[in-house]
Amino acid sequence: MQNWTEHPAHQYAVDVTLGRVIAPAYVIKACDRYLNDLDRMDETGLEFRPKTAAAYCAFFPKALRHYKSQFAGKPFELLPWQQFAIWNLFGWYGADGFRRFHYALILISRKNGKTTLAAGIGLLLMVMDGEGAPEAYYAATKRDQARIAFQDAYHMTQASNVVKTYLKARKHDITPKKGGGRLAYLGSNHDSMDGLNTHFACIDEYHAHPNDHVFNVLKSSQGQRPNALHLTITTEGFNPDGPLKHLKKYCRNVLDGHVQDEAQFALMYELDEDDDWTDEANWVKANPSLHDAMNLDEMRREFNQAVNQGGSKEVEFKTKRLNLQVNAASTWIPGEVWTSGEMPEIVASGDCWAGLDLASVSDMTALVLAYPMDGGYLLKGHYWLPSDTVKNTLEKEPNHIYQHFLELPNCHITDGNVTDYASIRRQVSGVHYVDGVQNVDSNCLMMTENLQKIAFDRYNSTQIAINLVDDGVPLVPFGQGFVSMSAPTKQFELLCRQGKIYHDGDPILRWALSNVAIRTDPAGNIKVDKERSEGKIDPIVAAIMAIGEHMKAKPDEAYELEIISL
């Protein structure tokens, strides 16, 4: 082709390296690598085939049509960054005559069309490559997630007279009309991947993968396909120690020149380390579609929520919209937000729900009562610690929060070095034994409060739970996973920020809150993370369980604020 250096993909690389297009450091390095490789083809044996690259880029607008939203029915016109990716992946060849890039990482924020691009690449490889019985798969941790890209491919096939000439779209796969092969989707069930002979593998949302098993299984299944492509396309995630971390590090080493790997391609759209995330001018670094196909107003609305609500909203915006890896132990709810609900003179009354987080061996036990009030909750806590734990801790850290246990009436120090379940039982149900004879204290919580339910974590609670149930305490198990904890955790955060979590300045609750780290799953569900929290968080876990139990009992009342506010 004539004047191929005028192609938008080549021009994108030139514009990025000259600073005409704003891009992050490692996209600039990817463009530098491309331009440098053009100059060193004689010495490396690499070959760039512009006619082939242009033909693969042209497949998208000529053969494919969008089917969603305002783009429905329009040709799939590749944006400059997408042109650059396709141009590189299918234009470079090695000295052996096969394609150079067998592995690719595209890290890009959500709403940039990554899944639709992945769907188009799958169809491209099924139609353009001339591969015998090509096998192509979209893979994710869950089959439903992998199905999203497949559905895009399915609908684009149905809408394209060109693609329908070659492929037949069915409910669960797309197959060539001649010669065999299939385009399908897979979950993380490794057994379903046995015996694959993969030409194209797309790992979707790699940030959600707990390990690299699926990644490696599909990679090893491509050994008999010399032009195979293993594509990882993902946003950033909430697991800083997952396999995506290691893949990003490897790709950075390749682009930095520390590792020589001619088969690895990488485009990583993310904010750079010193960028101000609140500066809208920086957003395009993680969102190269921003000024072409993305809804900027929607992004601005999400940004305003992140700034106004902070906490998990801020973490989600930084992670999913800007591809920033956020430290999970950063402050979830700032101290000034917590103190806005402080009401020292308030008196607890009415029905209440409670959460009980029981200690193991010699740790803290927390019981927090939540009284629904003025659209929020008044929290009252009770805490137990063995005396040896308090003593040993204060010897090492004289100013530790445990010094308050010596002063506060709601903090109960029990004799010895292990959790005293008998003391907890006596405080809750009043039941205790003197010389083998059962007695009941009339000032126990069951008699002084209108306790509706006490939610508890089954872990570490077998015998005490049995005893309390036998005493007539309305004890109910409460799951600690995302399904059970996400809604009350979000409600707790929302009400804190509205000043509707009321308390008497309890220093134990405030200390526990400052220790909380939040874990988020790929669906945006959240929960407190005991493993990564910096200190004890049992009182906050108990408070969230209490609120969650009330939300189950009074769903309309408990969710009203969240619906109105969000």
Protein backbone atom coordinates (compact mmCIF):
# COMPACT_ATOMS: atom_id res chain seq x y z
CA MET A 1 0.00 0.00 0.00
CA GLN A 2 1.14 3.53 -0.71
CA ASN A 3 1.86 6.05 2.05
CA TRP A 4 1.14 3.52 4.77
CA THR A 5 2.83 5.86 7.26
CA GLU A 6 -0.30 8.00 6.94
CA HIS A 7 -2.45 5.20 8.32
CA PRO A 8 -4.20 6.27 11.58
CA ALA A 9 -2.45 3.50 13.53
CA HIS A 10 1.02 4.68 12.53
CA GLN A 11 0.04 8.30 13.02
CA TYR A 12 -1.20 7.46 16.52
CA ALA A 13 2.25 6.20 17.47
CA VAL A 14 3.88 9.33 16.08
CA ASP A 15 1.40 11.64 17.83
CA VAL A 16 1.82 9.86 21.18
CA THR A 17 5.61 10.00 21.09
CA LEU A 18 5.56 13.70 20.10
CA GLY A 19 3.12 14.54 22.89
CA ARG A 20 0.28 15.50 20.54
CA VAL A 21 -1.87 12.79 22.11
CA ILE A 22 -1.87 12.54 25.91
CA ALA A 23 -0.93 9.03 27.00
CA PRO A 24 0.57 7.31 30.05
CA ALA A 25 4.23 6.39 30.28
CA TYR A 26 3.91 2.76 29.21
CA VAL A 27 1.72 3.55 26.21
CA ILE A 28 4.38 6.04 25.13
CA LYS A 29 6.94 3.27 25.51
CA ALA A 30 4.78 0.89 23.44
CA CYS A 31 4.65 3.49 20.66
CA ASP A 32 8.40 4.08 20.94
CA ARG A 33 8.98 0.36 20.67
CA TYR A 34 6.90 0.15 17.49
CA LEU A 35 8.72 3.05 15.81
CA ASN A 36 12.13 1.78 16.90
CA ASP A 37 11.34 -1.71 15.65
CA LEU A 38 10.56 -0.30 12.21
CA ASP A 39 14.12 1.07 12.13
CA ARG A 40 15.80 -2.12 13.29
CA MET A 41 14.10 -4.73 11.11
CA ASP A 42 17.31 -5.52 9.19
CA GLU A 43 19.21 -6.40 12.33
CA THR A 44 16.42 -8.28 14.11
CA GLY A 45 14.84 -10.26 11.28
CA LEU A 46 11.44 -8.79 12.18
CA GLU A 47 9.15 -7.83 9.31
CA PHE A 48 6.27 -5.39 9.26
CA ARG A 49 3.59 -6.01 6.61
CA PRO A 50 1.56 -2.80 6.25
CA LYS A 51 -0.86 -4.25 3.68
CA THR A 52 -1.74 -7.10 6.03
CA ALA A 53 -2.04 -4.77 9.01
CA ALA A 54 -4.31 -2.42 7.03
CA ALA A 55 -6.50 -5.30 5.85
CA TYR A 56 -7.02 -6.56 9.40
CA CYS A 57 -7.88 -3.02 10.57
CA ALA A 58 -10.30 -2.62 7.65
CA PHE A 59 -12.16 -5.83 8.60
CA PHE A 60 -13.87 -4.03 11.48
CA PRO A 61 -15.70 -1.23 9.62
CA LYS A 62 -16.21 -3.30 6.45
CA ALA A 63 -17.54 -6.48 8.06
CA LEU A 64 -18.84 -5.60 11.52
CA ARG A 65 -21.72 -3.50 12.82
CA HIS A 66 -22.45 -2.29 16.33
CA TYR A 67 -25.74 -3.43 17.80
CA LYS A 68 -26.06 -1.49 21.08
CA SER A 69 -27.07 2.01 22.19
CA GLN A 70 -26.53 5.02 19.91
CA PHE A 71 -24.04 3.09 17.76
CA ALA A 72 -26.49 0.33 16.79
CA GLY A 73 -26.34 -0.42 13.08
CA LYS A 74 -23.25 1.68 12.47
CA PRO A 75 -19.96 0.27 11.13
CA PHE A 76 -17.40 -0.73 13.73
CA GLU A 77 -15.00 2.16 13.16
CA LEU A 78 -11.84 1.56 15.16
CA LEU A 79 -10.64 4.39 17.37
CA PRO A 80 -6.96 5.41 17.03
CA TRP A 81 -5.81 3.36 20.04
CA GLN A 82 -7.72 0.33 18.74
CA GLN A 83 -6.18 0.80 15.28
CA PHE A 84 -2.74 0.82 16.88
CA ALA A 85 -3.44 -2.45 18.72
CA ILE A 86 -4.74 -4.30 15.64
CA TRP A 87 -2.00 -2.79 13.44
CA ASN A 88 0.69 -4.20 15.72
CA LEU A 89 -0.88 -7.56 16.57
CA PHE A 90 -1.46 -8.53 12.94
CA GLY A 91 1.17 -6.54 11.06
CA TRP A 92 4.37 -7.82 12.66
CA TYR A 93 6.00 -11.10 11.61
CA GLY A 94 9.09 -12.93 12.81
CA ALA A 95 11.94 -14.37 10.83
CA ASP A 96 10.08 -17.72 10.78
CA GLY A 97 7.27 -16.17 8.72
CA PHE A 98 4.68 -16.43 11.48
CA ARG A 99 3.15 -13.60 13.44
CA ARG A 100 5.46 -11.99 15.96
CA PHE A 101 3.04 -11.29 18.81
CA HIS A 102 1.55 -14.36 20.45
CA TYR A 103 0.73 -12.71 23.78
CA ALA A 104 -0.96 -9.38 24.41
CA LEU A 105 -2.08 -7.41 27.43
CA ILE A 106 -4.52 -4.54 27.01
CA LEU A 107 -5.16 -2.80 30.32
CA ILE A 108 -7.88 -0.21 29.95
CA SER A 109 -10.59 1.34 32.11
CA ARG A 110 -14.20 0.29 31.82
CA LYS A 111 -16.54 1.91 29.28
CA ASN A 112 -13.76 2.09 26.66
CA GLY A 113 -15.21 -0.70 24.52
CA LYS A 114 -12.69 -3.38 25.45
CA THR A 115 -15.18 -6.27 25.46
CA THR A 116 -16.60 -5.29 22.07
CA LEU A 117 -13.07 -5.05 20.69
CA ALA A 118 -12.30 -8.52 22.05
CA ALA A 119 -15.45 -9.85 20.38
CA GLY A 120 -14.41 -8.33 17.08
CA ILE A 121 -10.90 -9.79 17.33
CA GLY A 122 -12.40 -13.25 17.85
CA LEU A 123 -14.45 -12.93 14.66
CA LEU A 124 -11.46 -11.45 12.83
CA LEU A 125 -9.36 -14.51 13.60
CA MET A 126 -12.14 -16.89 12.64
CA VAL A 127 -12.62 -15.23 9.23
CA MET A 128 -9.34 -13.63 8.16
CA ASP A 129 -6.63 -16.04 9.25
CA GLY A 130 -7.36 -18.98 6.96
CA GLU A 131 -6.65 -21.24 9.92
CA GLY A 132 -7.74 -24.86 9.67
CA ALA A 133 -10.57 -25.59 12.12
CA PRO A 134 -9.80 -22.59 14.32
CA GLU A 135 -10.71 -22.83 18.00
CA ALA A 136 -11.30 -19.54 19.77
CA TYR A 137 -12.41 -19.03 23.37
CA TYR A 138 -13.38 -16.23 25.72
CA ALA A 139 -12.52 -17.17 29.30
CA ALA A 140 -13.26 -15.61 32.67
CA THR A 141 -13.63 -16.64 36.30
CA LYS A 142 -17.34 -17.11 35.70
CA ARG A 143 -18.94 -18.40 32.54
CA ASP A 144 -21.49 -15.57 32.58
CA GLN A 145 -18.65 -13.03 32.44
CA ALA A 146 -17.03 -14.81 29.50
CA ARG A 147 -20.42 -14.96 27.80
CA ILE A 148 -20.56 -11.14 27.55
CA ALA A 149 -17.85 -11.00 24.88
CA PHE A 150 -19.36 -14.02 23.14
CA GLN A 151 -22.76 -12.32 23.04
CA ASP A 152 -21.20 -9.31 21.35
CA ALA A 153 -19.62 -11.62 18.78
CA TYR A 154 -22.93 -13.46 18.32
CA HIS A 155 -24.92 -10.30 17.62
CA MET A 156 -22.24 -8.85 15.33
CA THR A 157 -22.29 -12.08 13.36
CA GLN A 158 -26.04 -11.92 13.01
CA ALA A 159 -25.83 -8.32 11.80
CA SER A 160 -23.08 -8.90 9.23
CA ASN A 161 -23.69 -10.32 5.76
CA VAL A 162 -19.94 -10.68 5.36
CA VAL A 163 -19.39 -12.70 8.54
CA LYS A 164 -22.51 -14.82 7.96
CA THR A 165 -20.96 -15.95 4.69
CA TYR A 166 -18.27 -17.73 6.70
CA LEU A 167 -19.74 -18.37 10.14
CA LYS A 168 -22.92 -19.68 11.70
CA ALA A 169 -23.96 -18.18 15.06
CA ARG A 170 -25.66 -20.47 17.55
CA LYS A 171 -26.68 -19.98 21.18
CA HIS A 172 -23.46 -21.26 22.73
CA ASP A 173 -20.93 -21.16 19.91
CA ILE A 174 -20.11 -19.72 16.50
CA THR A 175 -18.86 -22.23 13.95
CA PRO A 176 -17.32 -22.03 10.46
CA LYS A 177 -19.63 -23.19 7.72
CA LYS A 178 -16.75 -25.20 6.28
CA GLY A 179 -13.84 -27.01 7.84
CA GLY A 180 -14.73 -27.23 11.53
CA GLY A 181 -13.68 -25.19 14.53
CA ARG A 182 -15.65 -23.00 16.94
CA LEU A 183 -15.77 -19.71 18.83
CA ALA A 184 -17.16 -20.26 22.34
CA TYR A 185 -16.88 -19.18 25.98
CA LEU A 186 -15.53 -20.88 29.08
CA GLY A 187 -15.70 -20.47 32.83
CA SER A 188 -12.88 -21.26 35.23
CA ASN A 189 -13.79 -24.97 35.37
CA HIS A 190 -10.42 -26.38 34.35
CA ASP A 191 -11.91 -29.73 33.34
CA SER A 192 -13.78 -28.02 30.51
CA MET A 193 -10.43 -26.93 29.03
CA ASP A 194 -8.87 -30.35 28.64
CA GLY A 195 -7.90 -31.24 25.08
CA LEU A 196 -8.27 -27.75 23.60
CA ASN A 197 -6.29 -26.79 20.50
CA THR A 198 -6.65 -23.05 20.75
CA HIS A 199 -5.94 -20.52 18.02
CA PHE A 200 -7.32 -17.52 19.92
CA ALA A 201 -7.77 -17.22 23.68
CA CYS A 202 -9.13 -14.10 25.34
CA ILE A 203 -8.79 -13.81 29.11
CA ASP A 204 -11.45 -11.31 30.15
CA GLU A 205 -11.18 -9.25 33.36
CA TYR A 206 -7.97 -10.91 34.49
CA HIS A 207 -7.98 -8.80 37.66
CA ALA A 208 -10.72 -11.08 39.01
CA HIS A 209 -8.74 -14.30 38.58
CA PRO A 210 -7.48 -15.68 41.91
CA ASN A 211 -4.52 -17.36 40.21
CA ASP A 212 -2.99 -17.88 36.76
CA HIS A 213 -4.32 -21.41 36.21
CA VAL A 214 -6.85 -20.56 33.47
CA PHE A 215 -4.31 -18.23 31.87
CA ASN A 216 -1.71 -20.98 31.72
CA VAL A 217 -4.08 -23.77 30.65
CA LEU A 218 -5.18 -21.78 27.61
CA LYS A 219 -1.64 -20.67 26.90
CA SER A 220 -0.40 -24.26 26.86
CA SER A 221 -3.30 -25.28 24.58
CA GLN A 222 -1.92 -23.06 21.79
CA GLY A 223 1.33 -24.92 21.19
CA GLN A 224 0.24 -26.43 17.86
CA ARG A 225 -0.95 -23.12 16.40
CA PRO A 226 2.01 -21.05 15.09
CA ASN A 227 -0.11 -17.91 14.60
CA ALA A 228 -2.00 -18.26 17.87
CA LEU A 229 -2.92 -15.18 19.91
CA HIS A 230 -3.35 -15.17 23.70
CA LEU A 231 -5.05 -11.87 24.59
CA THR A 232 -5.58 -10.59 28.13
CA ILE A 233 -7.93 -7.62 28.21
CA THR A 234 -8.86 -6.19 31.58
CA THR A 235 -9.44 -3.27 33.86
CA GLU A 236 -7.52 -2.82 37.10
CA GLY A 237 -8.86 -4.74 40.09
CA PHE A 238 -9.06 -4.76 43.86
CA ASN A 239 -6.59 -7.57 44.50
CA PRO A 240 -3.08 -6.08 44.64
CA ASP A 241 -1.49 -9.52 44.92
CA GLY A 242 -3.35 -11.28 42.12
CA PRO A 243 -1.88 -12.63 38.87
CA LEU A 244 -2.57 -9.37 37.02
CA LYS A 245 0.07 -7.69 39.18
CA HIS A 246 2.74 -10.08 37.93
CA LEU A 247 1.66 -9.83 34.31
CA LYS A 248 1.79 -6.02 34.46
CA LYS A 249 5.24 -6.14 36.01
CA TYR A 250 6.48 -8.46 33.29
CA CYS A 251 5.07 -6.27 30.52
CA ARG A 252 6.64 -3.17 32.05
CA ASN A 253 9.98 -4.95 32.10
CA VAL A 254 9.55 -5.77 28.41
CA LEU A 255 8.70 -2.16 27.53
CA ASP A 256 11.53 -0.86 29.73
CA GLY A 257 13.95 -3.12 27.84
CA HIS A 258 14.90 -5.11 30.92
CA VAL A 259 13.41 -8.29 29.42
CA GLN A 260 13.73 -9.30 25.76
CA ASP A 261 10.47 -10.86 24.59
CA GLU A 262 9.54 -10.26 20.97
CA ALA A 263 6.30 -12.23 21.38
CA GLN A 264 4.76 -9.98 24.08
CA PHE A 265 2.67 -6.94 23.18
CA ALA A 266 1.32 -4.57 25.83
CA LEU A 267 -0.85 -1.45 25.95
CA MET A 268 -1.45 -0.24 29.49
CA TYR A 269 -3.77 2.74 29.84
CA GLU A 270 -3.58 4.05 33.40
CA LEU A 271 -2.79 7.17 35.34
CA ASP A 272 0.90 7.67 36.00
CA GLU A 273 2.21 7.58 39.56
CA ASP A 274 2.30 11.35 40.20
CA ASP A 275 -0.88 12.28 38.31
CA ASP A 276 -3.64 14.13 40.14
CA TRP A 277 -6.68 11.87 39.85
CA THR A 278 -9.05 14.81 40.38
CA ASP A 279 -7.67 16.62 37.30
CA GLU A 280 -9.98 15.82 34.41
CA ALA A 281 -7.14 16.43 31.95
CA ASN A 282 -5.43 13.26 33.22
CA TRP A 283 -8.42 10.97 32.75
CA VAL A 284 -7.68 10.36 29.08
CA LYS A 285 -4.52 8.46 30.09
CA ALA A 286 -6.70 5.62 31.35
CA ASN A 287 -9.55 6.30 28.92
CA PRO A 288 -8.26 6.70 25.35
CA SER A 289 -11.85 6.57 24.05
CA LEU A 290 -12.77 9.57 26.19
CA HIS A 291 -13.11 12.23 23.52
CA ASP A 292 -14.43 9.92 20.81
CA ALA A 293 -16.93 7.34 22.07
CA MET A 294 -17.15 7.62 25.86
CA ASN A 295 -19.79 9.48 27.83
CA LEU A 296 -17.80 12.19 29.61
CA ASP A 297 -20.84 13.45 31.52
CA GLU A 298 -21.39 9.99 33.01
CA MET A 299 -17.77 9.87 34.12
CA ARG A 300 -18.09 13.31 35.69
CA ARG A 301 -21.16 12.19 37.64
CA GLU A 302 -19.28 9.17 38.99
CA PHE A 303 -16.35 11.45 39.88
CA ASN A 304 -18.65 13.77 41.84
CA GLN A 305 -20.01 10.82 43.80
CA ALA A 306 -16.46 9.64 44.49
CA VAL A 307 -15.45 13.06 45.80
CA ASN A 308 -18.63 13.66 47.80
CA GLN A 309 -18.99 10.18 49.29
CA GLY A 310 -15.37 9.08 49.43
CA GLY A 311 -14.65 5.62 50.84
CA SER A 312 -15.58 2.74 48.58
CA LYS A 313 -16.98 5.11 45.93
CA GLU A 314 -13.61 6.83 45.65
CA VAL A 315 -11.77 3.50 45.55
CA GLU A 316 -14.09 2.18 42.84
CA PHE A 317 -13.69 5.30 40.69
CA LYS A 318 -9.91 5.31 40.98
CA THR A 319 -9.70 1.58 40.29
CA LYS A 320 -12.26 1.06 37.54
CA ARG A 321 -12.22 4.45 35.83
CA LEU A 322 -8.54 5.38 36.18
CA ASN A 323 -6.83 1.98 36.55
CA LEU A 324 -5.17 3.01 39.78
CA GLN A 325 -4.23 0.24 42.21
CA VAL A 326 -5.55 1.67 45.48
CA ASN A 327 -4.16 0.59 48.83
CA ALA A 328 -7.02 -1.25 50.53
CA ALA A 329 -5.85 -0.08 53.96
CA SER A 330 -6.33 3.60 53.13
CA THR A 331 -8.87 5.32 55.34
CA TRP A 332 -12.35 4.08 54.57
CA ILE A 333 -14.35 6.59 56.61
CA PRO A 334 -12.36 9.62 57.82
CA GLY A 335 -12.42 10.58 61.49
CA GLU A 336 -14.21 13.86 60.89
CA VAL A 337 -17.04 11.99 59.15
CA TRP A 338 -17.37 9.59 62.07
CA THR A 339 -17.44 12.33 64.70
CA SER A 340 -20.31 14.08 62.88
CA GLY A 341 -22.61 11.46 64.41
CA GLU A 342 -21.35 11.91 67.97
CA MET A 343 -24.16 12.65 70.48
CA PRO A 344 -22.84 12.15 74.05
CA GLU A 345 -26.16 12.78 75.82
CA ILE A 346 -28.32 10.52 73.68
CA VAL A 347 -30.31 7.77 75.42
CA ALA A 348 -30.90 4.41 73.75
CA SER A 349 -34.50 3.23 73.64
CA GLY A 350 -36.86 1.12 71.57
CA ASP A 351 -36.24 -2.07 69.63
CA CYS A 352 -32.66 -2.91 68.79
CA TRP A 353 -30.69 -5.40 66.76
CA ALA A 354 -27.19 -6.60 67.61
CA GLY A 355 -24.09 -8.09 66.08
CA LEU A 356 -21.78 -10.42 68.03
CA ASP A 357 -18.23 -10.98 66.79
CA LEU A 358 -16.75 -13.61 69.07
CA ALA A 359 -13.04 -13.88 69.72
CA SER A 360 -10.78 -16.85 69.31
CA VAL A 361 -8.74 -17.92 72.36
CA SER A 362 -7.38 -14.62 73.73
CA ASP A 363 -8.71 -11.94 71.44
CA MET A 364 -11.42 -9.26 71.63
CA THR A 365 -15.12 -10.07 71.57
CA ALA A 366 -17.46 -7.31 70.44
CA LEU A 367 -21.22 -6.98 70.84
CA VAL A 368 -22.73 -3.89 69.21
CA LEU A 369 -26.37 -2.91 69.57
CA ALA A 370 -28.01 -0.86 66.80
CA TYR A 371 -31.13 1.17 67.61
CA PRO A 372 -32.96 2.46 64.50
CA MET A 373 -33.35 6.23 64.92
CA ASP A 374 -34.10 9.18 62.62
CA GLY A 375 -33.34 7.22 59.47
CA GLY A 376 -30.06 5.96 60.90
CA TYR A 377 -28.80 3.97 63.88
CA LEU A 378 -27.61 4.65 67.39
CA LEU A 379 -24.75 2.27 68.22
CA LYS A 380 -23.87 1.00 71.69
CA GLY A 381 -20.95 -1.37 72.14
CA HIS A 382 -19.83 -3.93 74.72
CA TYR A 383 -16.34 -5.43 74.57
CA TRP A 384 -14.52 -8.26 76.33
CA LEU A 385 -10.79 -8.93 76.64
CA PRO A 386 -8.78 -11.31 78.83
CA SER A 387 -6.72 -9.47 81.46
CA ASP A 388 -3.46 -11.08 80.28
CA THR A 389 -4.03 -9.77 76.75
CA VAL A 390 -4.53 -6.23 78.07
CA LYS A 391 -1.49 -6.48 80.36
CA ASN A 392 0.85 -7.89 77.72
CA THR A 393 -0.23 -5.35 75.13
CA LEU A 394 0.16 -2.34 77.43
CA GLU A 395 3.62 -3.51 78.52
CA LYS A 396 4.73 -3.28 74.89
CA GLU A 397 2.63 -0.24 73.93
CA PRO A 398 1.69 1.86 76.99
CA ASN A 399 -0.52 4.15 74.89
CA HIS A 400 -2.44 1.37 73.17
CA ILE A 401 -6.22 1.76 72.94
CA TYR A 402 -6.56 -1.08 75.44
CA GLN A 403 -5.80 1.44 78.21
CA HIS A 404 -9.38 2.64 77.73
CA PHE A 405 -10.61 -0.81 78.71
CA LEU A 406 -9.54 0.09 82.25
CA GLU A 407 -11.79 3.17 82.22
CA LEU A 408 -14.94 2.44 80.23
CA PRO A 409 -17.98 0.75 81.79
CA ASN A 410 -18.83 -1.05 78.52
CA CYS A 411 -15.39 -2.71 78.42
CA HIS A 412 -15.17 -5.94 80.36
CA ILE A 413 -11.78 -7.32 81.38
CA THR A 414 -12.00 -10.97 82.36
CA ASP A 415 -9.49 -12.96 84.38
CA GLY A 416 -6.90 -15.12 82.67
CA ASN A 417 -5.46 -15.45 79.20
CA VAL A 418 -8.40 -16.84 77.22
CA THR A 419 -11.80 -15.56 76.19
CA ASP A 420 -14.27 -15.93 79.06
CA TYR A 421 -17.46 -17.08 77.36
CA ALA A 422 -19.20 -17.39 80.72
CA SER A 423 -18.83 -13.64 81.24
CA ILE A 424 -20.27 -12.92 77.80
CA ARG A 425 -23.17 -15.26 78.48
CA ARG A 426 -23.90 -13.59 81.80
CA GLN A 427 -23.88 -10.10 80.24
CA VAL A 428 -26.21 -11.12 77.41
CA SER A 429 -28.68 -13.62 78.88
CA GLY A 430 -27.96 -13.20 82.59
CA VAL A 431 -27.35 -16.90 83.04
CA HIS A 432 -24.45 -17.85 85.31
CA TYR A 433 -23.68 -20.59 87.82
CA VAL A 434 -22.76 -20.36 91.48
CA ASP A 435 -21.69 -23.67 93.08
CA GLY A 436 -23.38 -25.51 90.24
CA VAL A 437 -26.67 -23.68 90.70
CA GLN A 438 -28.03 -21.62 87.77
CA ASN A 439 -28.75 -17.96 88.46
CA VAL A 440 -30.02 -15.16 86.22
CA ASP A 441 -28.99 -11.49 86.50
CA SER A 442 -31.90 -9.12 86.04
CA ASN A 443 -29.62 -6.40 84.61
CA CYS A 444 -28.56 -8.48 81.60
CA LEU A 445 -29.09 -7.13 78.10
CA MET A 446 -31.97 -9.51 77.36
CA MET A 447 -33.91 -7.96 80.25
CA THR A 448 -32.87 -4.32 79.93
CA GLU A 449 -33.07 -3.97 76.13
CA ASN A 450 -35.69 -4.81 73.51
CA LEU A 451 -33.35 -7.15 71.65
CA GLN A 452 -34.96 -8.45 68.46
CA LYS A 453 -32.11 -10.47 66.96
CA ILE A 454 -28.40 -10.95 67.57
CA ALA A 455 -26.47 -11.74 64.41
CA PHE A 456 -23.28 -13.74 64.85
CA ASP A 457 -20.48 -15.30 62.83
CA ARG A 458 -20.53 -19.08 63.20
CA TYR A 459 -16.73 -19.17 63.34
CA ASN A 460 -15.38 -19.59 66.91
CA SER A 461 -18.89 -19.59 68.32
CA THR A 462 -20.13 -23.17 68.58
CA GLN A 463 -20.51 -23.68 72.35
CA ILE A 464 -21.36 -20.12 73.34
CA ALA A 465 -23.96 -20.02 70.56
CA ILE A 466 -25.57 -23.21 71.85
CA ASN A 467 -25.63 -21.84 75.40
CA LEU A 468 -27.20 -18.53 74.39
CA VAL A 469 -29.85 -20.21 72.27
CA ASP A 470 -30.67 -22.50 75.20
CA ASP A 471 -31.04 -19.34 77.32
CA GLY A 472 -33.67 -18.00 74.93
CA VAL A 473 -31.44 -15.46 73.18
CA PRO A 474 -32.65 -14.75 69.58
CA LEU A 475 -29.30 -15.65 68.03
CA VAL A 476 -29.10 -15.97 64.22
CA PRO A 477 -26.09 -16.79 62.00
CA PHE A 478 -24.85 -14.07 59.66
CA GLY A 479 -22.63 -14.88 56.68
CA GLN A 480 -19.29 -13.10 56.31
CA GLY A 481 -19.07 -13.25 52.52
CA PHE A 482 -19.88 -10.56 49.99
CA VAL A 483 -23.48 -11.71 49.55
CA SER A 484 -24.37 -11.09 53.19
CA MET A 485 -21.99 -8.26 54.09
CA SER A 486 -22.05 -5.95 51.06
CA ALA A 487 -25.45 -4.27 51.49
CA PRO A 488 -25.09 -3.49 55.23
CA THR A 489 -21.47 -2.37 54.74
CA LYS A 490 -22.54 0.07 52.03
CA GLN A 491 -25.45 1.22 54.18
CA PHE A 492 -23.13 1.75 57.15
CA GLU A 493 -20.79 3.86 55.00
CA LEU A 494 -23.64 5.86 53.48
CA LEU A 495 -25.20 6.64 56.85
CA CYS A 496 -21.82 7.60 58.33
CA ARG A 497 -21.37 10.15 55.58
CA GLN A 498 -24.86 11.49 56.19
CA GLY A 499 -24.12 11.88 59.89
CA LYS A 500 -26.76 9.28 60.73
CA ILE A 501 -24.61 6.73 62.54
CA TYR A 502 -25.05 8.05 66.06
CA HIS A 503 -22.77 7.17 68.95
CA ASP A 504 -21.46 8.56 72.22
CA GLY A 505 -17.88 9.03 71.05
CA ASP A 506 -16.99 5.43 71.94
CA PRO A 507 -13.17 5.35 71.45
CA ILE A 508 -13.18 1.60 70.82
CA LEU A 509 -15.55 1.91 67.86
CA ARG A 510 -13.58 4.83 66.44
CA TRP A 511 -10.29 2.96 66.80
CA ALA A 512 -11.72 -0.12 65.10
CA LEU A 513 -13.07 2.02 62.26
CA SER A 514 -9.64 3.53 61.64
CA ASN A 515 -8.23 0.01 61.18
CA VAL A 516 -10.70 -1.10 58.53
CA ALA A 517 -9.54 -2.14 55.06
CA ILE A 518 -12.23 -2.75 52.47
CA ARG A 519 -12.21 -5.58 49.96
CA THR A 520 -14.21 -5.23 46.74
CA ASP A 521 -15.18 -8.03 44.39
CA PRO A 522 -15.44 -7.72 40.58
CA ALA A 523 -19.16 -6.97 40.84
CA GLY A 524 -18.56 -3.98 43.12
CA ASN A 525 -19.69 -5.71 46.32
CA ILE A 526 -17.73 -4.73 49.40
CA LYS A 527 -16.93 -6.06 52.86
CA VAL A 528 -14.40 -5.36 55.58
CA ASP A 529 -11.23 -7.37 55.19
CA LYS A 530 -9.91 -8.79 58.44
CA GLU A 531 -6.73 -10.15 56.89
CA ARG A 532 -5.57 -6.82 55.47
CA SER A 533 -6.92 -4.50 58.14
CA GLU A 534 -4.28 -2.89 60.33
CA GLY A 535 -5.55 -3.80 63.79
CA LYS A 536 -8.75 -5.09 65.33
CA ILE A 537 -12.00 -4.39 63.48
CA ASP A 538 -14.35 -6.68 65.44
CA PRO A 539 -16.56 -3.81 66.75
CA ILE A 540 -17.20 -2.56 63.20
CA VAL A 541 -17.96 -6.07 61.96
CA ALA A 542 -20.44 -6.44 64.83
CA ALA A 543 -22.05 -3.08 64.00
CA ILE A 544 -22.44 -3.99 60.33
CA MET A 545 -23.99 -7.36 61.21
CA ALA A 546 -26.45 -5.59 63.52
CA ILE A 547 -27.48 -3.19 60.78
CA GLY A 548 -27.67 -6.05 58.30
CA GLU A 549 -29.99 -8.03 60.56
CA HIS A 550 -32.30 -5.02 60.88
CA MET A 551 -32.24 -4.56 57.09
CA LYS A 552 -33.45 -8.14 56.71
CA ALA A 553 -36.19 -7.62 59.29
CA LYS A 554 -37.32 -4.19 58.02
CA PRO A 555 -36.24 -4.02 54.38
CA ASP A 556 -38.34 -1.01 53.38
CA GLU A 557 -37.26 1.05 56.37
CA ALA A 558 -33.59 0.05 56.17
CA TYR A 559 -33.14 0.62 52.44
CA GLU A 560 -35.12 3.85 52.14
CA LEU A 561 -32.13 6.13 52.72
CA GLU A 562 -29.91 4.27 50.27
CA ILE A 563 -32.49 4.43 47.49
CA ILE A 564 -33.10 8.14 47.96
CA SER A 565 -29.43 9.07 48.29
CA LEU A 566 -28.01 7.05 45.44
